[in-house]
Amino acid sequence: MIAIENLSKTYDSGTLTVSALREVSFQIKKGEFVAIMGPSGSGKSTLMNLLGCLDLPTTGSYHLEEVDIGSLKQNQLAEVRNRRIGFVFQSFNLLPRATALENTELPLLYGRVANSTEIAMQALERVGLKHRAKHKPTELSGGEKQRVAIARALVNKPAIILADEPTGNLDSETGEEIMSLFHELNYEAVTLILVTHETEIAQQAKRMIQMKDGRIVKDEAVISC
C-alpha cells in the first residue's frame, strides 16, 4: 500500500540547511497497524506530513497504492488527501460552531458526495456517537471529540488513517478507549499509522518504527505480552 524509498526532507533557513528527514525507506502493507515514535526533533512529524501529502520530499519517492505522489499536481494531491487519507489530530481540529454530524460530513461535502448526511451519520454510529450527532464540540468530552475526529477520518473510506498523537490531550482512561476503537478498526482491515512519543501507546500497535535525528533506527514487530 505504501512504499517510500530514500525519502529526505531539508529546510533552508537563511544560510542554514536543516535535514529533518534523512534517506528513510520502508513499506506498509494493507491492514497493518504501525506506530512511529521518537523524541522531539526525530523527524516523525515531518514523516507524517509527507505520508499525508501535506508536504513533498526534497528527494526520494513515495508511492501510495502504486501512485507516485511526487508526480501529482496540487489539485491531485488535495484529492488524495480528501479521498484516500483520513487524519486524526491531537487537538481534534473540529469546527467549534458545527455539530458532530456537520464536522463528520465535511470531507464528503468537499468531495461532493451524494447522501453525505446519511454516510456521516453511519460513521458516527460506527464510533458510538450517533446519539451525540447534534451536539457541538463545546458540549462533548475530550474522548467524544476524538471519536468525532475518527468518524470524520472514516467517512470517505480512506486507504490509510494517520493519527498524530491521538491520545495526547486525553486522560489515560479515555486514551485507552480511543486505542480500543483503533484496534476495532484495524481488526476490520483499516490501515493505521500512529505517531506517538508514548512507548505504552506505541506498543499497542503491531509494528513499531523508531526514529532519531531524521533516520529510522529500529523497525520491528511488536511482541504482545
N, C-alpha and C. Protein backbone atom coordinates (compact mmCIF):
# COMPACT_ATOMS: atom_id res chain seq x y z
N MET A 1 0.82 -1.21 0.00
CA MET A 1 0.00 0.00 0.00
C MET A 1 0.86 1.27 0.00
N ILE A 2 1.87 1.29 0.88
CA ILE A 2 2.78 2.43 0.97
C ILE A 2 4.20 1.93 0.71
N ALA A 3 4.91 2.62 -0.16
CA ALA A 3 6.32 2.31 -0.41
C ALA A 3 7.08 3.62 -0.51
N ILE A 4 7.98 3.85 0.43
CA ILE A 4 8.83 5.04 0.36
C ILE A 4 10.28 4.59 0.28
N GLU A 5 11.06 5.32 -0.50
CA GLU A 5 12.45 4.93 -0.74
C GLU A 5 13.35 6.16 -0.71
N ASN A 6 14.34 6.11 0.17
CA ASN A 6 15.34 7.18 0.30
C ASN A 6 14.69 8.55 0.44
N LEU A 7 13.66 8.62 1.26
CA LEU A 7 12.91 9.86 1.44
C LEU A 7 13.69 10.82 2.35
N SER A 8 13.92 12.03 1.86
CA SER A 8 14.63 13.05 2.63
C SER A 8 13.88 14.37 2.54
N LYS A 9 14.00 15.16 3.60
CA LYS A 9 13.38 16.48 3.62
C LYS A 9 14.33 17.46 4.30
N THR A 10 14.68 18.52 3.57
CA THR A 10 15.53 19.57 4.13
C THR A 10 14.81 20.90 4.07
N TYR A 11 15.10 21.73 5.02
CA TYR A 11 14.52 23.07 5.08
C TYR A 11 15.65 24.09 5.09
N ASP A 12 15.52 25.12 4.27
CA ASP A 12 16.51 26.19 4.22
C ASP A 12 16.04 27.37 5.06
N SER A 13 16.90 27.77 5.99
CA SER A 13 16.60 28.91 6.84
C SER A 13 17.77 29.88 6.75
N GLY A 14 17.68 30.78 5.76
CA GLY A 14 18.79 31.70 5.53
C GLY A 14 20.01 30.95 5.04
N THR A 15 21.10 31.03 5.80
CA THR A 15 22.33 30.32 5.42
C THR A 15 22.39 28.92 6.01
N LEU A 16 21.36 28.54 6.78
CA LEU A 16 21.37 27.25 7.46
C LEU A 16 20.42 26.27 6.76
N THR A 17 20.89 25.06 6.54
CA THR A 17 20.06 23.99 5.97
C THR A 17 19.83 22.93 7.04
N VAL A 18 18.56 22.64 7.31
CA VAL A 18 18.20 21.67 8.34
C VAL A 18 17.68 20.40 7.68
N SER A 19 18.28 19.27 8.02
CA SER A 19 17.83 17.98 7.49
C SER A 19 16.86 17.35 8.48
N ALA A 20 15.56 17.43 8.17
CA ALA A 20 14.55 16.91 9.08
C ALA A 20 14.34 15.41 8.89
N LEU A 21 14.61 14.94 7.66
CA LEU A 21 14.44 13.52 7.34
C LEU A 21 15.58 13.10 6.43
N ARG A 22 16.19 11.93 6.72
CA ARG A 22 17.40 11.54 6.01
C ARG A 22 17.27 10.13 5.42
N GLU A 23 17.01 10.03 4.14
CA GLU A 23 17.03 8.78 3.38
C GLU A 23 16.27 7.65 4.09
N VAL A 24 15.00 7.90 4.35
CA VAL A 24 14.14 6.93 5.03
C VAL A 24 13.48 6.02 4.01
N SER A 25 13.49 4.71 4.28
CA SER A 25 12.86 3.74 3.38
C SER A 25 12.09 2.70 4.19
N PHE A 26 10.87 2.40 3.77
CA PHE A 26 10.11 1.29 4.34
C PHE A 26 8.84 1.08 3.51
N GLN A 27 8.17 -0.03 3.77
CA GLN A 27 6.89 -0.33 3.14
C GLN A 27 5.86 -0.65 4.22
N ILE A 28 4.60 -0.34 3.93
CA ILE A 28 3.49 -0.68 4.82
C ILE A 28 2.43 -1.37 3.99
N LYS A 29 2.01 -2.55 4.44
CA LYS A 29 1.01 -3.32 3.72
C LYS A 29 -0.40 -2.95 4.18
N LYS A 30 -1.37 -3.25 3.35
CA LYS A 30 -2.77 -3.02 3.69
C LYS A 30 -3.14 -3.77 4.97
N GLY A 31 -3.81 -3.08 5.88
CA GLY A 31 -4.27 -3.69 7.11
C GLY A 31 -3.26 -3.68 8.24
N GLU A 32 -2.08 -3.12 8.03
CA GLU A 32 -1.10 -3.03 9.11
C GLU A 32 -1.49 -1.95 10.12
N PHE A 33 -0.99 -2.10 11.33
CA PHE A 33 -1.13 -1.10 12.39
C PHE A 33 0.28 -0.75 12.84
N VAL A 34 0.75 0.43 12.41
CA VAL A 34 2.14 0.82 12.61
C VAL A 34 2.22 2.05 13.50
N ALA A 35 3.09 2.00 14.49
CA ALA A 35 3.36 3.16 15.34
C ALA A 35 4.73 3.73 14.96
N ILE A 36 4.78 5.04 14.78
CA ILE A 36 6.04 5.74 14.53
C ILE A 36 6.33 6.57 15.77
N MET A 37 7.47 6.32 16.38
CA MET A 37 7.77 7.03 17.62
C MET A 37 9.20 7.54 17.63
N GLY A 38 9.42 8.50 18.52
CA GLY A 38 10.74 9.09 18.66
C GLY A 38 10.63 10.38 19.43
N PRO A 39 11.75 10.89 19.93
CA PRO A 39 11.73 12.14 20.69
C PRO A 39 11.46 13.34 19.80
N SER A 40 11.26 14.49 20.41
CA SER A 40 11.08 15.73 19.65
C SER A 40 12.29 15.96 18.77
N GLY A 41 12.04 16.30 17.50
CA GLY A 41 13.13 16.54 16.56
C GLY A 41 13.64 15.30 15.87
N SER A 42 12.95 14.17 16.08
CA SER A 42 13.42 12.91 15.47
C SER A 42 13.02 12.78 14.01
N GLY A 43 12.04 13.58 13.57
CA GLY A 43 11.59 13.52 12.18
C GLY A 43 10.25 12.85 12.00
N LYS A 44 9.63 12.40 13.09
CA LYS A 44 8.37 11.66 12.95
C LYS A 44 7.23 12.54 12.44
N SER A 45 7.17 13.80 12.88
CA SER A 45 6.11 14.69 12.39
C SER A 45 6.33 15.06 10.93
N THR A 46 7.59 15.25 10.55
CA THR A 46 7.90 15.52 9.14
C THR A 46 7.49 14.34 8.28
N LEU A 47 7.78 13.14 8.75
CA LEU A 47 7.40 11.94 8.01
C LEU A 47 5.88 11.84 7.90
N MET A 48 5.17 12.15 8.97
CA MET A 48 3.71 12.12 8.94
C MET A 48 3.16 13.11 7.91
N ASN A 49 3.74 14.30 7.86
CA ASN A 49 3.28 15.30 6.88
C ASN A 49 3.51 14.82 5.45
N LEU A 50 4.60 14.13 5.21
CA LEU A 50 4.88 13.61 3.87
C LEU A 50 3.94 12.46 3.53
N LEU A 51 3.71 11.56 4.47
CA LEU A 51 2.77 10.46 4.23
C LEU A 51 1.36 10.97 3.99
N GLY A 52 1.01 12.08 4.65
CA GLY A 52 -0.33 12.66 4.49
C GLY A 52 -0.46 13.59 3.31
N CYS A 53 0.60 13.70 2.50
CA CYS A 53 0.59 14.58 1.31
C CYS A 53 0.36 16.04 1.68
N LEU A 54 0.76 16.40 2.91
CA LEU A 54 0.69 17.79 3.34
C LEU A 54 1.96 18.53 2.94
N ASP A 55 2.98 17.78 2.57
CA ASP A 55 4.25 18.34 2.14
C ASP A 55 4.88 17.36 1.17
N LEU A 56 5.87 17.82 0.43
CA LEU A 56 6.56 16.96 -0.54
C LEU A 56 8.02 16.81 -0.14
N PRO A 57 8.62 15.64 -0.41
CA PRO A 57 10.02 15.43 -0.02
C PRO A 57 10.98 16.23 -0.88
N THR A 58 12.16 16.44 -0.35
CA THR A 58 13.22 17.09 -1.13
C THR A 58 13.80 16.10 -2.13
N THR A 59 14.03 14.88 -1.67
CA THR A 59 14.49 13.80 -2.54
C THR A 59 13.81 12.50 -2.12
N GLY A 60 13.87 11.51 -2.99
CA GLY A 60 13.28 10.21 -2.69
C GLY A 60 11.89 10.08 -3.28
N SER A 61 11.30 8.90 -3.12
CA SER A 61 9.99 8.63 -3.73
C SER A 61 8.99 8.11 -2.70
N TYR A 62 7.73 8.41 -2.96
CA TYR A 62 6.62 7.95 -2.12
C TYR A 62 5.51 7.46 -3.03
N HIS A 63 5.19 6.18 -2.93
CA HIS A 63 4.09 5.60 -3.70
C HIS A 63 2.98 5.17 -2.75
N LEU A 64 1.77 5.63 -3.02
CA LEU A 64 0.59 5.23 -2.26
C LEU A 64 -0.34 4.49 -3.21
N GLU A 65 -0.58 3.23 -2.93
CA GLU A 65 -1.39 2.38 -3.81
C GLU A 65 -0.87 2.46 -5.25
N GLU A 66 0.46 2.38 -5.37
CA GLU A 66 1.18 2.35 -6.65
C GLU A 66 1.12 3.67 -7.41
N VAL A 67 0.62 4.72 -6.78
CA VAL A 67 0.62 6.06 -7.39
C VAL A 67 1.83 6.82 -6.89
N ASP A 68 2.60 7.38 -7.81
CA ASP A 68 3.77 8.18 -7.46
C ASP A 68 3.30 9.55 -6.98
N ILE A 69 3.32 9.77 -5.67
CA ILE A 69 2.81 11.01 -5.10
C ILE A 69 3.59 12.22 -5.59
N GLY A 70 4.88 12.04 -5.79
CA GLY A 70 5.72 13.15 -6.22
C GLY A 70 5.39 13.67 -7.61
N SER A 71 4.67 12.89 -8.40
CA SER A 71 4.33 13.30 -9.77
C SER A 71 3.00 14.04 -9.84
N LEU A 72 2.29 14.17 -8.72
CA LEU A 72 0.95 14.76 -8.74
C LEU A 72 1.00 16.29 -8.62
N LYS A 73 0.00 16.93 -9.22
CA LYS A 73 -0.17 18.37 -9.10
C LYS A 73 -0.93 18.67 -7.81
N GLN A 74 -0.98 19.95 -7.43
CA GLN A 74 -1.58 20.34 -6.16
C GLN A 74 -3.04 19.92 -6.04
N ASN A 75 -3.80 20.08 -7.13
CA ASN A 75 -5.22 19.69 -7.06
C ASN A 75 -5.36 18.17 -6.92
N GLN A 76 -4.42 17.42 -7.52
CA GLN A 76 -4.45 15.97 -7.39
C GLN A 76 -4.06 15.54 -5.97
N LEU A 77 -3.10 16.25 -5.39
CA LEU A 77 -2.70 15.97 -4.01
C LEU A 77 -3.86 16.23 -3.06
N ALA A 78 -4.60 17.31 -3.31
CA ALA A 78 -5.76 17.63 -2.47
C ALA A 78 -6.81 16.53 -2.55
N GLU A 79 -6.99 15.98 -3.73
CA GLU A 79 -7.95 14.89 -3.90
C GLU A 79 -7.50 13.63 -3.16
N VAL A 80 -6.20 13.34 -3.21
CA VAL A 80 -5.67 12.19 -2.47
C VAL A 80 -5.89 12.38 -0.98
N ARG A 81 -5.60 13.59 -0.48
CA ARG A 81 -5.79 13.87 0.95
C ARG A 81 -7.24 13.69 1.37
N ASN A 82 -8.14 14.11 0.51
CA ASN A 82 -9.56 14.06 0.87
C ASN A 82 -10.15 12.67 0.76
N ARG A 83 -9.73 11.92 -0.26
CA ARG A 83 -10.38 10.64 -0.55
C ARG A 83 -9.61 9.42 -0.06
N ARG A 84 -8.28 9.50 0.01
CA ARG A 84 -7.50 8.30 0.30
C ARG A 84 -6.84 8.31 1.68
N ILE A 85 -6.86 9.47 2.36
CA ILE A 85 -6.19 9.58 3.66
C ILE A 85 -7.13 10.17 4.69
N GLY A 86 -7.25 9.52 5.83
CA GLY A 86 -8.03 10.05 6.94
C GLY A 86 -7.09 10.56 8.01
N PHE A 87 -7.34 11.77 8.53
CA PHE A 87 -6.45 12.38 9.51
C PHE A 87 -7.13 12.46 10.87
N VAL A 88 -6.37 12.12 11.92
CA VAL A 88 -6.82 12.29 13.30
C VAL A 88 -5.71 13.03 14.04
N PHE A 89 -6.07 14.19 14.63
CA PHE A 89 -5.07 15.05 15.25
C PHE A 89 -5.21 15.09 16.77
N GLN A 90 -4.12 15.44 17.43
CA GLN A 90 -4.13 15.56 18.88
C GLN A 90 -5.14 16.61 19.35
N SER A 91 -5.24 17.71 18.61
CA SER A 91 -6.11 18.82 19.01
C SER A 91 -7.50 18.72 18.40
N PHE A 92 -7.84 17.58 17.80
CA PHE A 92 -9.16 17.25 17.25
C PHE A 92 -9.48 17.99 15.95
N ASN A 93 -9.16 19.31 15.88
CA ASN A 93 -9.41 20.12 14.68
C ASN A 93 -10.87 20.09 14.23
N LEU A 94 -11.78 20.26 15.18
CA LEU A 94 -13.21 20.33 14.87
C LEU A 94 -13.64 21.80 14.75
N LEU A 95 -14.60 22.06 13.86
CA LEU A 95 -15.15 23.40 13.74
C LEU A 95 -16.05 23.66 14.95
N PRO A 96 -15.76 24.70 15.74
CA PRO A 96 -16.48 24.89 17.01
C PRO A 96 -17.97 25.17 16.87
N ARG A 97 -18.38 25.78 15.77
CA ARG A 97 -19.79 26.13 15.61
C ARG A 97 -20.59 25.06 14.86
N ALA A 98 -19.92 24.01 14.44
CA ALA A 98 -20.59 22.93 13.71
C ALA A 98 -20.90 21.77 14.66
N THR A 99 -21.97 21.06 14.39
CA THR A 99 -22.33 19.90 15.20
C THR A 99 -21.39 18.74 14.89
N ALA A 100 -21.49 17.69 15.69
CA ALA A 100 -20.69 16.50 15.44
C ALA A 100 -20.98 15.94 14.05
N LEU A 101 -22.25 15.94 13.67
CA LEU A 101 -22.63 15.45 12.35
C LEU A 101 -22.04 16.31 11.25
N GLU A 102 -22.13 17.63 11.40
CA GLU A 102 -21.61 18.55 10.38
C GLU A 102 -20.10 18.44 10.26
N ASN A 103 -19.40 18.27 11.39
CA ASN A 103 -17.95 18.10 11.34
C ASN A 103 -17.58 16.81 10.62
N THR A 104 -18.33 15.75 10.89
CA THR A 104 -18.06 14.46 10.26
C THR A 104 -18.32 14.51 8.76
N GLU A 105 -19.29 15.31 8.37
CA GLU A 105 -19.73 15.38 6.97
C GLU A 105 -18.79 16.19 6.08
N LEU A 106 -17.92 16.99 6.66
CA LEU A 106 -17.11 17.94 5.89
C LEU A 106 -16.35 17.32 4.71
N PRO A 107 -15.60 16.23 4.90
CA PRO A 107 -14.87 15.67 3.74
C PRO A 107 -15.79 15.26 2.60
N LEU A 108 -17.00 14.83 2.94
CA LEU A 108 -17.96 14.42 1.91
C LEU A 108 -18.47 15.63 1.14
N LEU A 109 -18.67 16.74 1.84
CA LEU A 109 -19.12 17.96 1.18
C LEU A 109 -18.04 18.50 0.24
N TYR A 110 -16.78 18.45 0.69
CA TYR A 110 -15.68 18.88 -0.18
C TYR A 110 -15.60 18.02 -1.44
N GLY A 111 -15.87 16.74 -1.26
CA GLY A 111 -15.82 15.82 -2.39
C GLY A 111 -17.10 15.71 -3.17
N ARG A 112 -18.13 16.48 -2.74
CA ARG A 112 -19.44 16.50 -3.40
C ARG A 112 -20.02 15.09 -3.52
N VAL A 113 -19.98 14.38 -2.40
CA VAL A 113 -20.50 13.01 -2.35
C VAL A 113 -22.00 13.03 -2.07
N ALA A 114 -22.76 12.23 -2.81
CA ALA A 114 -24.20 12.15 -2.61
C ALA A 114 -24.50 11.46 -1.27
N ASN A 115 -25.66 11.77 -0.71
CA ASN A 115 -26.11 11.17 0.55
C ASN A 115 -25.10 11.38 1.68
N SER A 116 -24.48 12.56 1.70
CA SER A 116 -23.40 12.81 2.65
C SER A 116 -23.87 12.76 4.10
N THR A 117 -25.06 13.27 4.37
CA THR A 117 -25.55 13.27 5.75
C THR A 117 -25.77 11.85 6.26
N GLU A 118 -26.33 11.01 5.43
CA GLU A 118 -26.56 9.62 5.81
C GLU A 118 -25.24 8.88 6.06
N ILE A 119 -24.26 9.11 5.19
CA ILE A 119 -22.96 8.45 5.34
C ILE A 119 -22.27 8.94 6.61
N ALA A 120 -22.36 10.25 6.88
CA ALA A 120 -21.74 10.80 8.08
C ALA A 120 -22.39 10.24 9.34
N MET A 121 -23.70 10.08 9.32
CA MET A 121 -24.39 9.51 10.48
C MET A 121 -23.95 8.07 10.71
N GLN A 122 -23.75 7.33 9.63
CA GLN A 122 -23.28 5.95 9.76
C GLN A 122 -21.89 5.90 10.39
N ALA A 123 -21.04 6.87 10.03
CA ALA A 123 -19.70 6.93 10.60
C ALA A 123 -19.76 7.25 12.09
N LEU A 124 -20.64 8.17 12.47
CA LEU A 124 -20.81 8.48 13.90
C LEU A 124 -21.33 7.27 14.66
N GLU A 125 -22.24 6.54 14.05
CA GLU A 125 -22.76 5.33 14.70
C GLU A 125 -21.64 4.30 14.89
N ARG A 126 -20.75 4.24 13.92
CA ARG A 126 -19.64 3.28 13.99
C ARG A 126 -18.73 3.55 15.18
N VAL A 127 -18.58 4.84 15.55
CA VAL A 127 -17.73 5.18 16.70
C VAL A 127 -18.54 5.39 17.97
N GLY A 128 -19.83 5.02 17.92
CA GLY A 128 -20.67 5.06 19.11
C GLY A 128 -21.18 6.43 19.50
N LEU A 129 -21.32 7.33 18.52
CA LEU A 129 -21.74 8.70 18.86
C LEU A 129 -22.96 9.17 18.08
N LYS A 130 -23.75 8.26 17.58
CA LYS A 130 -24.95 8.65 16.85
C LYS A 130 -25.87 9.51 17.71
N HIS A 131 -25.93 9.21 18.99
CA HIS A 131 -26.81 9.94 19.91
C HIS A 131 -26.30 11.34 20.22
N ARG A 132 -25.07 11.66 19.81
CA ARG A 132 -24.49 12.99 20.07
C ARG A 132 -24.34 13.78 18.77
N ALA A 133 -25.02 13.36 17.72
CA ALA A 133 -24.83 13.95 16.39
C ALA A 133 -25.12 15.44 16.34
N LYS A 134 -26.09 15.92 17.12
CA LYS A 134 -26.48 17.32 17.06
C LYS A 134 -25.76 18.21 18.07
N HIS A 135 -24.80 17.63 18.79
CA HIS A 135 -24.06 18.39 19.79
C HIS A 135 -22.83 19.04 19.17
N LYS A 136 -22.50 20.24 19.64
CA LYS A 136 -21.31 20.95 19.18
C LYS A 136 -20.11 20.55 20.05
N PRO A 137 -18.90 20.81 19.58
CA PRO A 137 -17.70 20.39 20.32
C PRO A 137 -17.67 20.84 21.78
N THR A 138 -18.19 22.04 22.08
CA THR A 138 -18.18 22.53 23.46
C THR A 138 -19.07 21.69 24.37
N GLU A 139 -19.94 20.90 23.77
CA GLU A 139 -20.85 20.06 24.54
C GLU A 139 -20.37 18.61 24.61
N LEU A 140 -19.16 18.36 24.11
CA LEU A 140 -18.62 17.00 24.07
C LEU A 140 -17.39 16.89 24.97
N SER A 141 -17.16 15.70 25.49
CA SER A 141 -15.94 15.44 26.26
C SER A 141 -14.76 15.29 25.30
N GLY A 142 -13.55 15.24 25.86
CA GLY A 142 -12.36 15.07 25.01
C GLY A 142 -12.41 13.79 24.22
N GLY A 143 -12.83 12.71 24.87
CA GLY A 143 -12.93 11.44 24.17
C GLY A 143 -13.97 11.46 23.07
N GLU A 144 -15.09 12.14 23.32
CA GLU A 144 -16.14 12.24 22.29
C GLU A 144 -15.66 13.08 21.12
N LYS A 145 -14.91 14.15 21.39
CA LYS A 145 -14.36 14.97 20.30
C LYS A 145 -13.43 14.13 19.43
N GLN A 146 -12.61 13.29 20.07
CA GLN A 146 -11.69 12.47 19.29
C GLN A 146 -12.45 11.42 18.49
N ARG A 147 -13.54 10.91 19.03
CA ARG A 147 -14.36 9.95 18.27
C ARG A 147 -14.99 10.63 17.05
N VAL A 148 -15.41 11.88 17.20
CA VAL A 148 -15.93 12.62 16.05
C VAL A 148 -14.83 12.77 15.00
N ALA A 149 -13.62 13.08 15.45
CA ALA A 149 -12.49 13.23 14.53
C ALA A 149 -12.21 11.91 13.80
N ILE A 150 -12.34 10.80 14.51
CA ILE A 150 -12.13 9.49 13.88
C ILE A 150 -13.24 9.20 12.88
N ALA A 151 -14.48 9.54 13.25
CA ALA A 151 -15.61 9.36 12.32
C ALA A 151 -15.38 10.17 11.04
N ARG A 152 -14.92 11.41 11.21
CA ARG A 152 -14.62 12.27 10.05
C ARG A 152 -13.53 11.64 9.18
N ALA A 153 -12.55 11.02 9.82
CA ALA A 153 -11.46 10.38 9.07
C ALA A 153 -11.94 9.16 8.29
N LEU A 154 -13.04 8.56 8.75
CA LEU A 154 -13.52 7.31 8.15
C LEU A 154 -14.51 7.50 7.00
N VAL A 155 -15.14 8.67 6.90
CA VAL A 155 -16.31 8.80 6.03
C VAL A 155 -16.03 8.50 4.55
N ASN A 156 -14.83 8.80 4.09
CA ASN A 156 -14.51 8.55 2.68
C ASN A 156 -13.88 7.18 2.45
N LYS A 157 -13.90 6.34 3.49
CA LYS A 157 -13.30 5.00 3.40
C LYS A 157 -11.88 5.10 2.85
N PRO A 158 -11.00 5.79 3.59
CA PRO A 158 -9.65 6.05 3.09
C PRO A 158 -8.79 4.80 3.05
N ALA A 159 -7.70 4.89 2.29
CA ALA A 159 -6.75 3.79 2.23
C ALA A 159 -6.01 3.65 3.55
N ILE A 160 -5.71 4.78 4.17
CA ILE A 160 -4.98 4.78 5.45
C ILE A 160 -5.55 5.84 6.37
N ILE A 161 -5.39 5.62 7.66
CA ILE A 161 -5.69 6.65 8.65
C ILE A 161 -4.38 7.02 9.33
N LEU A 162 -4.07 8.31 9.34
CA LEU A 162 -2.89 8.84 10.01
C LEU A 162 -3.34 9.52 11.30
N ALA A 163 -2.83 9.05 12.41
CA ALA A 163 -3.21 9.60 13.72
C ALA A 163 -1.98 10.21 14.38
N ASP A 164 -2.01 11.52 14.59
CA ASP A 164 -0.87 12.24 15.16
C ASP A 164 -1.13 12.51 16.64
N GLU A 165 -0.46 11.77 17.52
CA GLU A 165 -0.63 11.89 18.97
C GLU A 165 -2.12 11.89 19.35
N PRO A 166 -2.90 10.91 18.92
CA PRO A 166 -4.36 10.95 19.11
C PRO A 166 -4.81 10.86 20.56
N THR A 167 -3.93 10.42 21.46
CA THR A 167 -4.30 10.34 22.88
C THR A 167 -3.61 11.40 23.71
N GLY A 168 -2.88 12.29 23.05
CA GLY A 168 -2.05 13.27 23.76
C GLY A 168 -2.81 14.23 24.65
N ASN A 169 -4.04 14.59 24.27
CA ASN A 169 -4.83 15.54 25.05
C ASN A 169 -5.89 14.85 25.91
N LEU A 170 -5.74 13.55 26.10
CA LEU A 170 -6.77 12.79 26.82
C LEU A 170 -6.18 12.17 28.09
N ASP A 171 -7.04 11.96 29.08
CA ASP A 171 -6.58 11.24 30.27
C ASP A 171 -6.37 9.78 29.89
N SER A 172 -5.69 9.04 30.77
CA SER A 172 -5.27 7.68 30.42
C SER A 172 -6.45 6.76 30.14
N GLU A 173 -7.53 6.89 30.90
CA GLU A 173 -8.69 6.01 30.68
C GLU A 173 -9.35 6.29 29.34
N THR A 174 -9.52 7.58 29.03
CA THR A 174 -10.12 7.95 27.74
C THR A 174 -9.20 7.58 26.59
N GLY A 175 -7.89 7.72 26.81
CA GLY A 175 -6.93 7.33 25.79
C GLY A 175 -7.02 5.85 25.46
N GLU A 176 -7.24 5.03 26.48
CA GLU A 176 -7.41 3.60 26.26
C GLU A 176 -8.67 3.30 25.47
N GLU A 177 -9.72 4.07 25.69
CA GLU A 177 -10.96 3.89 24.93
C GLU A 177 -10.72 4.19 23.46
N ILE A 178 -9.95 5.24 23.18
CA ILE A 178 -9.64 5.58 21.79
C ILE A 178 -8.77 4.50 21.16
N MET A 179 -7.80 3.98 21.91
CA MET A 179 -6.96 2.91 21.38
C MET A 179 -7.79 1.66 21.12
N SER A 180 -8.76 1.38 21.96
CA SER A 180 -9.64 0.23 21.72
C SER A 180 -10.40 0.38 20.42
N LEU A 181 -10.82 1.61 20.14
CA LEU A 181 -11.52 1.88 18.88
C LEU A 181 -10.58 1.66 17.70
N PHE A 182 -9.32 2.09 17.82
CA PHE A 182 -8.35 1.85 16.76
C PHE A 182 -8.15 0.36 16.53
N HIS A 183 -8.10 -0.41 17.60
CA HIS A 183 -7.95 -1.86 17.47
C HIS A 183 -9.14 -2.47 16.73
N GLU A 184 -10.34 -1.97 17.02
CA GLU A 184 -11.54 -2.47 16.33
C GLU A 184 -11.45 -2.17 14.84
N LEU A 185 -11.03 -0.95 14.51
CA LEU A 185 -10.91 -0.56 13.11
C LEU A 185 -9.85 -1.40 12.40
N ASN A 186 -8.73 -1.64 13.07
CA ASN A 186 -7.68 -2.44 12.47
C ASN A 186 -8.13 -3.88 12.27
N TYR A 187 -8.94 -4.39 13.19
CA TYR A 187 -9.50 -5.73 13.05
C TYR A 187 -10.35 -5.84 11.80
N GLU A 188 -10.94 -4.69 11.39
CA GLU A 188 -11.75 -4.64 10.18
C GLU A 188 -10.90 -4.31 8.95
N ALA A 189 -9.59 -4.43 9.08
CA ALA A 189 -8.62 -4.27 7.98
C ALA A 189 -8.35 -2.82 7.59
N VAL A 190 -8.67 -1.87 8.49
CA VAL A 190 -8.30 -0.48 8.25
C VAL A 190 -6.80 -0.33 8.54
N THR A 191 -6.07 0.29 7.63
CA THR A 191 -4.64 0.51 7.80
C THR A 191 -4.43 1.74 8.67
N LEU A 192 -3.67 1.59 9.75
CA LEU A 192 -3.46 2.66 10.72
C LEU A 192 -1.98 2.98 10.86
N ILE A 193 -1.66 4.27 10.82
CA ILE A 193 -0.31 4.74 11.12
C ILE A 193 -0.43 5.78 12.22
N LEU A 194 0.19 5.50 13.34
CA LEU A 194 0.03 6.33 14.53
C LEU A 194 1.37 6.91 14.94
N VAL A 195 1.43 8.22 15.11
CA VAL A 195 2.64 8.88 15.61
C VAL A 195 2.47 9.17 17.09
N THR A 196 3.44 8.78 17.89
CA THR A 196 3.35 9.00 19.32
C THR A 196 4.74 9.06 19.93
N HIS A 197 4.85 9.72 21.08
CA HIS A 197 6.10 9.68 21.84
C HIS A 197 5.95 8.79 23.06
N GLU A 198 4.75 8.18 23.22
CA GLU A 198 4.47 7.35 24.39
C GLU A 198 4.71 5.87 24.05
N THR A 199 5.66 5.26 24.75
CA THR A 199 6.00 3.87 24.49
C THR A 199 4.82 2.94 24.71
N GLU A 200 4.04 3.18 25.77
CA GLU A 200 2.92 2.30 26.09
C GLU A 200 1.83 2.35 25.02
N ILE A 201 1.71 3.47 24.34
CA ILE A 201 0.76 3.58 23.22
C ILE A 201 1.32 2.88 21.99
N ALA A 202 2.59 3.13 21.68
CA ALA A 202 3.22 2.51 20.51
C ALA A 202 3.22 0.99 20.60
N GLN A 203 3.35 0.46 21.80
CA GLN A 203 3.40 -0.98 21.98
C GLN A 203 2.05 -1.66 21.74
N GLN A 204 0.99 -0.86 21.56
CA GLN A 204 -0.30 -1.44 21.24
C GLN A 204 -0.47 -1.66 19.74
N ALA A 205 0.45 -1.11 18.95
CA ALA A 205 0.44 -1.37 17.51
C ALA A 205 1.03 -2.75 17.25
N LYS A 206 1.03 -3.17 16.00
CA LYS A 206 1.60 -4.46 15.64
C LYS A 206 3.04 -4.34 15.13
N ARG A 207 3.42 -3.10 14.83
CA ARG A 207 4.76 -2.84 14.32
C ARG A 207 5.19 -1.46 14.80
N MET A 208 6.44 -1.33 15.18
CA MET A 208 6.93 -0.06 15.71
C MET A 208 8.15 0.40 14.92
N ILE A 209 8.09 1.62 14.42
CA ILE A 209 9.22 2.25 13.74
C ILE A 209 9.74 3.35 14.66
N GLN A 210 10.99 3.23 15.08
CA GLN A 210 11.58 4.22 15.96
C GLN A 210 12.53 5.11 15.17
N MET A 211 12.44 6.43 15.43
CA MET A 211 13.23 7.40 14.70
C MET A 211 14.11 8.22 15.63
N LYS A 212 15.24 8.66 15.07
CA LYS A 212 16.15 9.54 15.79
C LYS A 212 16.96 10.33 14.77
N ASP A 213 17.02 11.63 14.96
CA ASP A 213 17.80 12.50 14.09
C ASP A 213 17.46 12.33 12.61
N GLY A 214 16.16 12.14 12.33
CA GLY A 214 15.71 12.06 10.95
C GLY A 214 15.89 10.72 10.28
N ARG A 215 16.34 9.72 11.03
CA ARG A 215 16.57 8.40 10.47
C ARG A 215 15.78 7.34 11.24
N ILE A 216 15.53 6.22 10.57
CA ILE A 216 14.93 5.07 11.25
C ILE A 216 16.06 4.29 11.93
N VAL A 217 15.90 4.12 13.25
CA VAL A 217 16.93 3.38 13.99
C VAL A 217 16.44 1.97 14.35
N LYS A 218 15.14 1.74 14.27
CA LYS A 218 14.62 0.40 14.55
C LYS A 218 13.25 0.25 13.89
N ASP A 219 13.02 -0.89 13.29
CA ASP A 219 11.73 -1.21 12.65
C ASP A 219 11.46 -2.68 12.94
N GLU A 220 10.51 -2.94 13.86
CA GLU A 220 10.31 -4.31 14.30
C GLU A 220 8.86 -4.57 14.67
N ALA A 221 8.48 -5.85 14.64
CA ALA A 221 7.15 -6.25 15.08
C ALA A 221 7.04 -6.08 16.59
N VAL A 222 5.85 -5.72 17.05
CA VAL A 222 5.60 -5.59 18.48
C VAL A 222 5.19 -6.94 19.02
N ILE A 223 5.85 -7.37 20.07
CA ILE A 223 5.54 -8.65 20.70
C ILE A 223 4.58 -8.38 21.85
N SER A 224 3.36 -8.89 21.73
CA SER A 224 2.36 -8.68 22.78
C SER A 224 2.65 -9.59 23.96
N CYS A 225 2.44 -9.03 25.16
CA CYS A 225 2.67 -9.81 26.36
C CYS A 225 1.47 -10.73 26.61
